[in-house]
C-alpha atoms as a PDB file:
ATOM      1  CA  MET A   1      10.423  -3.792  30.919  1.00  0.00           C
ATOM      2  CA  ILE A   2      11.253  -3.987  27.598  1.00  0.00           C
ATOM      3  CA  ASP A   3      12.533  -7.857  27.594  1.00  0.00           C
ATOM      4  CA  PHE A   4       9.033  -8.865  29.380  1.00  0.00           C
ATOM      5  CA  ILE A   5       7.094  -6.968  26.839  1.00  0.00           C
ATOM      6  CA  SER A   6       8.930  -8.342  24.259  1.00  0.00           C
ATOM      7  CA  SER A   7       8.675 -11.941  25.817  1.00  0.00           C
ATOM      8  CA  GLU A   8       5.099 -11.560  26.691  1.00  0.00           C
ATOM      9  CA  SER A   9       3.827 -10.558  23.074  1.00  0.00           C
ATOM     10  CA  LYS A  10       5.792 -13.646  21.853  1.00  0.00           C
ATOM     11  CA  LYS A  11       3.916 -15.459  23.258  1.00  0.00           C
ATOM     12  CA  ILE A  12       0.851 -13.945  22.465  1.00  0.00           C
ATOM     13  CA  ILE A  13       1.031 -13.603  19.368  1.00  0.00           C
ATOM     14  CA  TYR A  14       2.187 -17.613  18.890  1.00  0.00           C
ATOM     15  CA  ASN A  15      -0.783 -18.637  21.064  1.00  0.00           C
ATOM     16  CA  CYS A  16      -3.017 -16.266  18.360  1.00  0.00           C
ATOM     17  CA  ILE A  17      -1.574 -18.155  15.395  1.00  0.00           C
ATOM     18  CA  GLU A  18      -1.866 -21.374  17.084  1.00  0.00           C
ATOM     19  CA  ARG A  19      -5.333 -21.129  18.362  1.00  0.00           C
ATOM     20  CA  GLU A  20      -6.383 -19.670  14.981  1.00  0.00           C
ATOM     21  CA  SER A  21      -4.643 -22.566  12.800  1.00  0.00           C
ATOM     22  CA  LYS A  22      -7.035 -25.005  15.277  1.00  0.00           C
ATOM     23  CA  LYS A  23     -10.027 -22.755  14.850  1.00  0.00           C
ATOM     24  CA  ASN A  24      -9.540 -22.524  11.182  1.00  0.00           C
ATOM     25  CA  LYS A  25      -8.312 -26.227  10.347  1.00  0.00           C
ATOM     26  CA  ILE A  26      -5.244 -25.122   8.760  1.00  0.00           C
ATOM     27  CA  PRO A  27      -1.877 -26.157   9.406  1.00  0.00           C
ATOM     28  CA  LEU A  28       0.066 -23.956  11.792  1.00  0.00           C
ATOM     29  CA  ASP A  29       3.099 -23.986   9.407  1.00  0.00           C
ATOM     30  CA  LYS A  30       0.817 -22.026   6.933  1.00  0.00           C
ATOM     31  CA  THR A  31      -1.001 -19.766   9.567  1.00  0.00           C
ATOM     32  CA  ARG A  32       0.465 -16.088  10.072  1.00  0.00           C
ATOM     33  CA  LEU A  33      -0.296 -13.103  12.247  1.00  0.00           C
ATOM     34  CA  VAL A  34      -0.015 -10.045   9.910  1.00  0.00           C
ATOM     35  CA  LEU A  35       0.333  -6.702  11.883  1.00  0.00           C
ATOM     36  CA  TYR A  36      -0.113  -3.524  10.173  1.00  0.00           C
ATOM     37  CA  LEU A  37      -1.423  -0.144   9.988  1.00  0.00           C
ATOM     38  CA  LYS A  38      -4.850   0.951   9.006  1.00  0.00           C
ATOM     39  CA  GLU A  39      -4.948   3.870   7.077  1.00  0.00           C
ATOM     40  CA  ASP A  40      -5.491   5.906   9.575  1.00  0.00           C
ATOM     41  CA  GLY A  41      -2.398   4.848  11.361  1.00  0.00           C
ATOM     42  CA  ALA A  42      -4.340   2.783  13.850  1.00  0.00           C
ATOM     43  CA  ASN A  43      -2.929  -0.625  14.333  1.00  0.00           C
ATOM     44  CA  GLY A  44      -4.719  -3.648  12.441  1.00  0.00           C
ATOM     45  CA  TYR A  45      -3.974  -7.352  12.950  1.00  0.00           C
ATOM     46  CA  ARG A  46      -4.862 -10.072  10.356  1.00  0.00           C
ATOM     47  CA  VAL A  47      -4.848 -13.947  10.338  1.00  0.00           C
ATOM     48  CA  ILE A  48      -3.785 -15.431   6.906  1.00  0.00           C
ATOM     49  CA  GLU A  49      -3.351 -18.923   5.096  1.00  0.00           C
ATOM     50  CA  GLU A  50      -0.022 -19.261   3.204  1.00  0.00           C
ATOM     51  CA  PHE A  51      -0.888 -21.694  -0.116  1.00  0.00           C
ATOM     52  CA  ARG A  52       0.455 -23.074  -2.838  1.00  0.00           C
ATOM     53  CA  SER A  53      -1.260 -22.280  -5.919  1.00  0.00           C
ATOM     54  CA  GLU A  54      -0.398 -22.164  -9.744  1.00  0.00           C
ATOM     55  CA  GLU A  55       1.570 -18.923  -9.729  1.00  0.00           C
ATOM     56  CA  GLY A  56       3.473 -19.692  -7.007  1.00  0.00           C
ATOM     57  CA  THR A  57       3.364 -18.843  -2.521  1.00  0.00           C
ATOM     58  CA  ASP A  58      -0.105 -16.767  -2.429  1.00  0.00           C
ATOM     59  CA  ILE A  59      -2.479 -16.053   0.756  1.00  0.00           C
ATOM     60  CA  ARG A  60      -5.794 -15.701   1.672  1.00  0.00           C
ATOM     61  CA  THR A  61      -7.091 -13.225   4.777  1.00  0.00           C
ATOM     62  CA  ILE A  62      -9.308 -15.615   7.353  1.00  0.00           C
ATOM     63  CA  LYS A  63     -10.080 -13.103   9.625  1.00  0.00           C
ATOM     64  CA  GLU A  64      -9.303  -9.732  10.573  1.00  0.00           C
ATOM     65  CA  LEU A  65      -8.986  -9.175  14.554  1.00  0.00           C
ATOM     66  CA  ASP A  66      -8.266  -6.444  16.820  1.00  0.00           C
ATOM     67  CA  PHE A  67      -5.972  -6.328  19.834  1.00  0.00           C
ATOM     68  CA  MET A  68      -8.490  -8.247  22.130  1.00  0.00           C
ATOM     69  CA  GLY A  69      -9.047 -10.597  19.348  1.00  0.00           C
ATOM     70  CA  VAL A  70      -5.562 -11.313  19.314  1.00  0.00           C
ATOM     71  CA  LEU A  71      -5.695 -11.867  22.877  1.00  0.00           C
ATOM     72  CA  ASP A  72      -8.790 -13.847  22.874  1.00  0.00           C
ATOM     73  CA  VAL A  73     -10.057 -12.178  25.722  1.00  0.00           C
ATOM     74  CA  ARG A  74     -13.110  -9.592  26.064  1.00  0.00           C
ATOM     75  CA  ILE A  75     -11.564  -7.420  28.916  1.00  0.00           C
ATOM     76  CA  ASP A  76      -7.384  -7.215  28.912  1.00  0.00           C
ATOM     77  CA  PHE A  77      -7.260  -7.026  32.938  1.00  0.00           C
ATOM     78  CA  LYS A  78      -3.327  -7.520  32.474  1.00  0.00           C
ATOM     79  CA  GLY A  79      -3.002  -3.999  30.059  1.00  0.00           C
ATOM     80  CA  TYR A  80      -1.643  -5.843  27.403  1.00  0.00           C
ATOM     81  CA  SER A  81      -3.488  -3.892  24.941  1.00  0.00           C
ATOM     82  CA  MET A  82      -2.278  -0.502  26.475  1.00  0.00           C
ATOM     83  CA  ILE A  83       1.456  -1.766  26.448  1.00  0.00           C
ATOM     84  CA  ALA A  84       2.278  -3.658  23.462  1.00  0.00           C
ATOM     85  CA  ALA A  85       0.196  -2.395  20.593  1.00  0.00           C
ATOM     86  CA  PRO A  86       1.497   1.027  20.702  1.00  0.00           C
ATOM     87  CA  PHE A  87       5.406  -0.326  20.759  1.00  0.00           C
ATOM     88  CA  ILE A  88       3.798  -2.211  17.850  1.00  0.00           C
ATOM     89  CA  GLN A  89       2.266   0.957  16.174  1.00  0.00           C
ATOM     90  CA  LYS A  90       5.392   2.801  16.645  1.00  0.00           C
ATOM     91  CA  ALA A  91       7.732   0.020  15.590  1.00  0.00           C
ATOM     92  CA  LEU A  92       5.978  -0.203  11.908  1.00  0.00           C
ATOM     93  CA  PHE A  93       6.077   3.678  11.206  1.00  0.00           C
ATOM     94  CA  ARG A  94       9.656   3.505  12.302  1.00  0.00           C
ATOM     95  CA  PHE A  95      10.277   0.928   9.679  1.00  0.00           C
ATOM     96  CA  SER A  96       8.045   2.855   7.226  1.00  0.00           C
ATOM     97  CA  GLN A  97      10.298   5.886   7.643  1.00  0.00           C
ATOM     98  CA  THR A  98      13.261   3.972   7.594  1.00  0.00           C
ATOM     99  CA  LEU A  99      12.646   1.186   4.515  1.00  0.00           C
ATOM    100  CA  ASN A 100      10.875   4.411   2.590  1.00  0.00           C
ATOM    101  CA  ILE A 101       7.575   2.467   2.596  1.00  0.00           C
ATOM    102  CA  PRO A 102       4.385   4.068   3.165  1.00  0.00           C
ATOM    103  CA  TYR A 103       2.568   3.173   6.215  1.00  0.00           C
ATOM    104  CA  ASP A 104      -0.400   2.138   4.667  1.00  0.00           C
ATOM    105  CA  LYS A 105       1.702  -0.749   2.926  1.00  0.00           C
ATOM    106  CA  ILE A 106       4.056  -2.095   5.478  1.00  0.00           C
ATOM    107  CA  SER A 107       3.232  -5.036   7.345  1.00  0.00           C
ATOM    108  CA  ALA A 108       5.044  -7.640  10.098  1.00  0.00           C
ATOM    109  CA  VAL A 109       4.361 -10.784   9.206  1.00  0.00           C
ATOM    110  CA  CYS A 110       4.515 -13.250  12.184  1.00  0.00           C
ATOM    111  CA  TYR A 111       5.374 -17.126  11.513  1.00  0.00           C
ATOM    112  CA  PRO A 112       5.305 -19.915  14.037  1.00  0.00           C
ATOM    113  CA  THR A 113       8.675 -21.516  13.936  1.00  0.00           C
ATOM    114  CA  TYR A 114       9.498 -25.067  14.096  1.00  0.00           C
ATOM    115  CA  LYS A 115      10.413 -24.854  17.608  1.00  0.00           C
ATOM    116  CA  LYS A 116       7.226 -24.427  19.950  1.00  0.00           C
ATOM    117  CA  GLY A 117       6.542 -21.155  21.039  1.00  0.00           C
ATOM    118  CA  GLU A 118       8.889 -19.223  18.819  1.00  0.00           C
ATOM    119  CA  ILE A 119       8.224 -16.606  16.074  1.00  0.00           C
ATOM    120  CA  ALA A 120       9.993 -15.267  12.964  1.00  0.00           C
ATOM    121  CA  ILE A 121       8.753 -11.815  11.862  1.00  0.00           C
ATOM    122  CA  CYS A 122       9.180 -10.310   8.411  1.00  0.00           C
ATOM    123  CA  ILE A 123       8.496  -6.719   6.915  1.00  0.00           C
ATOM    124  CA  PHE A 124       6.456  -7.007   3.848  1.00  0.00           C
ATOM    125  CA  ASN A 125       5.984  -3.836   1.260  1.00  0.00           C
ATOM    126  CA  ASP A 126       2.224  -4.793   0.347  1.00  0.00           C
ATOM    127  CA  LYS A 127       3.209  -8.711  -0.818  1.00  0.00           C
ATOM    128  CA  ALA A 128       6.772  -7.584  -1.347  1.00  0.00           C
ATOM    129  CA  TYR A 129       9.213  -9.243   0.981  1.00  0.00           C
ATOM    130  CA  ILE A 130      11.963  -6.998   2.723  1.00  0.00           C
ATOM    131  CA  LYS A 131      13.747  -8.356   5.190  1.00  0.00           C
ATOM    132  CA  GLN A 132      13.688 -10.655   8.387  1.00  0.00           C
ATOM    133  CA  ILE A 133      13.665  -8.867  11.745  1.00  0.00           C
ATOM    134  CA  GLU A 134      14.484  -9.989  15.220  1.00  0.00           C
ATOM    135  CA  LEU A 135      11.884  -9.438  18.096  1.00  0.00           C
ATOM    136  CA  SER A 136      14.104  -7.244  19.449  1.00  0.00           C
ATOM    137  CA  GLU A 137      13.923  -4.873  16.601  1.00  0.00           C
ATOM    138  CA  LEU A 138       9.755  -4.687  17.082  1.00  0.00           C
ATOM    139  CA  PHE A 139      10.190  -4.067  20.920  1.00  0.00           C
ATOM    140  CA  ASN A 140      13.227  -2.031  21.722  1.00  0.00           C
ATOM    141  CA  GLU A 141      14.024   1.190  23.960  1.00  0.00           C
ATOM    142  CA  GLN A 142      13.799   3.785  21.391  1.00  0.00           C
ATOM    143  CA  ASP A 143       9.826   3.149  21.235  1.00  0.00           C
ATOM    144  CA  ALA A 144       9.822   2.997  25.132  1.00  0.00           C
ATOM    145  CA  MET A 145      11.153   6.696  25.080  1.00  0.00           C
ATOM    146  CA  GLN A 146       8.765   7.854  22.936  1.00  0.00           C
ATOM    147  CA  GLN A 147       5.656   6.556  24.939  1.00  0.00           C
ATOM    148  CA  THR A 148       3.057   9.593  26.111  1.00  0.00           C
END
């Protein structure tokens, strides 16, 4: 079950990045999907563009999304929003606790890799890079056991 959720989520995330890259005419390798927690603890999703500035690498928010926007559907017939979104939320809270980062400052930034369909995920504290994680760390058994 976890492998299926992880695999489908990777496809959904990659497809969202690829779609938003094309819609906004941003190079794929500069487009990111940010998974974060809002002040009320609800999931947030943001498409950003990474670019070079005089100060170095910077980002620009392109679009705020809900999970239906990430899926690019009006009705979630497959129920992904009821499965993947709670895993993402629990994982971000878990990383927040283990890394001692306020939950409203933690984010998982998803990058497309050079291998089509693959993503890399990095944890940030606000704009400060913390570490790269595996997809299996975002979707794991520990969080499945806590599903209510």
